[in-house]
Amino acid sequence: MVARYTTWTQEVLEDTLNIPLSELGLSVRTANRLDSVGILRIRDLLNSNKNTLMAIPNFGNKSYEEVVTILKERGFY
């Protein structure tokens, strides 16, 4: 995934990157799929590209779009 950062201080950016995905309001299915492969924080999610995410078992287009929406709400993507 390519991330575009808004204008943040380094401290705010670091704090945001370290937010656990469990705090983002993802559906249980999406959160469980990401957790199963060790994607636990926003930082982990941004280090994953679409092909990597789509290769996760039972992670499809709906889950991907949910992730993109969450990242957009946080100022990424």
C-alpha atoms as a PDB file:
ATOM      1  CA  MET A   1       0.000   0.000   0.000  1.00  0.00           C
ATOM      2  CA  VAL A   2       1.323   3.428  -0.819  1.00  0.00           C
ATOM      3  CA  ALA A   3       0.786   5.874   1.998  1.00  0.00           C
ATOM      4  CA  ARG A   4       0.507   9.609   1.669  1.00  0.00           C
ATOM      5  CA  TYR A   5       1.147  11.402   4.919  1.00  0.00           C
ATOM      6  CA  THR A   6      -0.602  14.535   6.012  1.00  0.00           C
ATOM      7  CA  THR A   7       1.444  17.298   7.612  1.00  0.00           C
ATOM      8  CA  TRP A   8       2.183  15.946  11.095  1.00  0.00           C
ATOM      9  CA  THR A   9       4.920  16.341  13.605  1.00  0.00           C
ATOM     10  CA  GLN A  10       7.187  13.323  13.937  1.00  0.00           C
ATOM     11  CA  GLU A  11       5.780  12.592  17.409  1.00  0.00           C
ATOM     12  CA  VAL A  12       2.165  12.580  16.216  1.00  0.00           C
ATOM     13  CA  LEU A  13       3.110  10.425  13.231  1.00  0.00           C
ATOM     14  CA  GLU A  14       4.874   7.874  15.449  1.00  0.00           C
ATOM     15  CA  ASP A  15       1.920   7.769  17.844  1.00  0.00           C
ATOM     16  CA  THR A  16      -0.481   7.237  14.949  1.00  0.00           C
ATOM     17  CA  LEU A  17       1.643   4.508  13.343  1.00  0.00           C
ATOM     18  CA  ASN A  18       1.657   2.626  16.639  1.00  0.00           C
ATOM     19  CA  ILE A  19      -2.122   2.585  17.083  1.00  0.00           C
ATOM     20  CA  PRO A  20      -3.296  -1.038  17.399  1.00  0.00           C
ATOM     21  CA  LEU A  21      -5.724  -2.116  14.694  1.00  0.00           C
ATOM     22  CA  SER A  22      -8.059  -3.230  17.474  1.00  0.00           C
ATOM     23  CA  GLU A  23      -8.763   0.474  18.116  1.00  0.00           C
ATOM     24  CA  LEU A  24      -9.800   1.263  14.542  1.00  0.00           C
ATOM     25  CA  GLY A  25     -13.259  -0.268  14.506  1.00  0.00           C
ATOM     26  CA  LEU A  26     -12.536  -2.871  11.836  1.00  0.00           C
ATOM     27  CA  SER A  27     -15.034  -5.681  11.454  1.00  0.00           C
ATOM     28  CA  VAL A  28     -14.229  -8.787  13.485  1.00  0.00           C
ATOM     29  CA  ARG A  29     -13.585 -10.802  10.332  1.00  0.00           C
ATOM     30  CA  THR A  30     -11.105  -8.292   8.901  1.00  0.00           C
ATOM     31  CA  ALA A  31      -9.375  -7.772  12.243  1.00  0.00           C
ATOM     32  CA  ASN A  32      -9.036 -11.535  12.772  1.00  0.00           C
ATOM     33  CA  ARG A  33      -7.581 -12.083   9.292  1.00  0.00           C
ATOM     34  CA  LEU A  34      -4.983  -9.338   9.795  1.00  0.00           C
ATOM     35  CA  ASP A  35      -4.157 -10.584  13.284  1.00  0.00           C
ATOM     36  CA  SER A  36      -3.653 -14.120  11.964  1.00  0.00           C
ATOM     37  CA  VAL A  37      -0.694 -12.945   9.863  1.00  0.00           C
ATOM     38  CA  GLY A  38       0.799 -10.576  12.432  1.00  0.00           C
ATOM     39  CA  ILE A  39      -0.564  -7.280  11.145  1.00  0.00           C
ATOM     40  CA  LEU A  40      -1.368  -5.641  14.469  1.00  0.00           C
ATOM     41  CA  ARG A  41      -0.733  -1.891  14.106  1.00  0.00           C
ATOM     42  CA  ILE A  42      -1.259   0.820  11.499  1.00  0.00           C
ATOM     43  CA  ARG A  43       2.492   0.649  10.826  1.00  0.00           C
ATOM     44  CA  ASP A  44       2.189  -3.049   9.886  1.00  0.00           C
ATOM     45  CA  LEU A  45      -0.744  -2.327   7.623  1.00  0.00           C
ATOM     46  CA  LEU A  46       1.088   0.441   5.769  1.00  0.00           C
ATOM     47  CA  ASN A  47       4.051  -1.882   5.238  1.00  0.00           C
ATOM     48  CA  SER A  48       1.767  -4.364   3.460  1.00  0.00           C
ATOM     49  CA  ASN A  49       0.804  -3.965  -0.171  1.00  0.00           C
ATOM     50  CA  LYS A  50      -2.487  -4.948  -1.771  1.00  0.00           C
ATOM     51  CA  ASN A  51      -1.111  -8.235  -3.116  1.00  0.00           C
ATOM     52  CA  THR A  52       0.113  -9.237   0.340  1.00  0.00           C
ATOM     53  CA  LEU A  53      -3.231  -8.443   1.921  1.00  0.00           C
ATOM     54  CA  MET A  54      -5.218 -10.183  -0.802  1.00  0.00           C
ATOM     55  CA  ALA A  55      -3.098 -13.317  -0.294  1.00  0.00           C
ATOM     56  CA  ILE A  56      -4.361 -13.643   3.289  1.00  0.00           C
ATOM     57  CA  PRO A  57      -6.883 -16.498   3.455  1.00  0.00           C
ATOM     58  CA  ASN A  58     -10.480 -15.186   3.545  1.00  0.00           C
ATOM     59  CA  PHE A  59      -9.338 -11.586   3.041  1.00  0.00           C
ATOM     60  CA  GLY A  60     -11.143 -10.286  -0.005  1.00  0.00           C
ATOM     61  CA  ASN A  61     -12.104  -7.070  -1.740  1.00  0.00           C
ATOM     62  CA  LYS A  62     -14.597  -6.082   0.952  1.00  0.00           C
ATOM     63  CA  SER A  63     -11.938  -6.391   3.669  1.00  0.00           C
ATOM     64  CA  TYR A  64      -9.440  -4.504   1.534  1.00  0.00           C
ATOM     65  CA  GLU A  65     -11.881  -1.648   0.944  1.00  0.00           C
ATOM     66  CA  GLU A  66     -12.615  -1.538   4.676  1.00  0.00           C
ATOM     67  CA  VAL A  67      -8.885  -1.179   5.386  1.00  0.00           C
ATOM     68  CA  VAL A  68      -8.485   1.569   2.768  1.00  0.00           C
ATOM     69  CA  THR A  69     -11.431   3.473   4.264  1.00  0.00           C
ATOM     70  CA  ILE A  70      -9.957   3.269   7.766  1.00  0.00           C
ATOM     71  CA  LEU A  71      -6.562   4.463   6.530  1.00  0.00           C
ATOM     72  CA  LYS A  72      -8.164   7.381   4.674  1.00  0.00           C
ATOM     73  CA  GLU A  73     -10.008   8.384   7.849  1.00  0.00           C
ATOM     74  CA  ARG A  74      -6.643   8.485   9.652  1.00  0.00           C
ATOM     75  CA  GLY A  75      -5.031  10.624   6.943  1.00  0.00           C
ATOM     76  CA  PHE A  76      -3.150   7.879   5.142  1.00  0.00           C
ATOM     77  CA  TYR A  77      -3.479   6.356   1.689  1.00  0.00           C
END
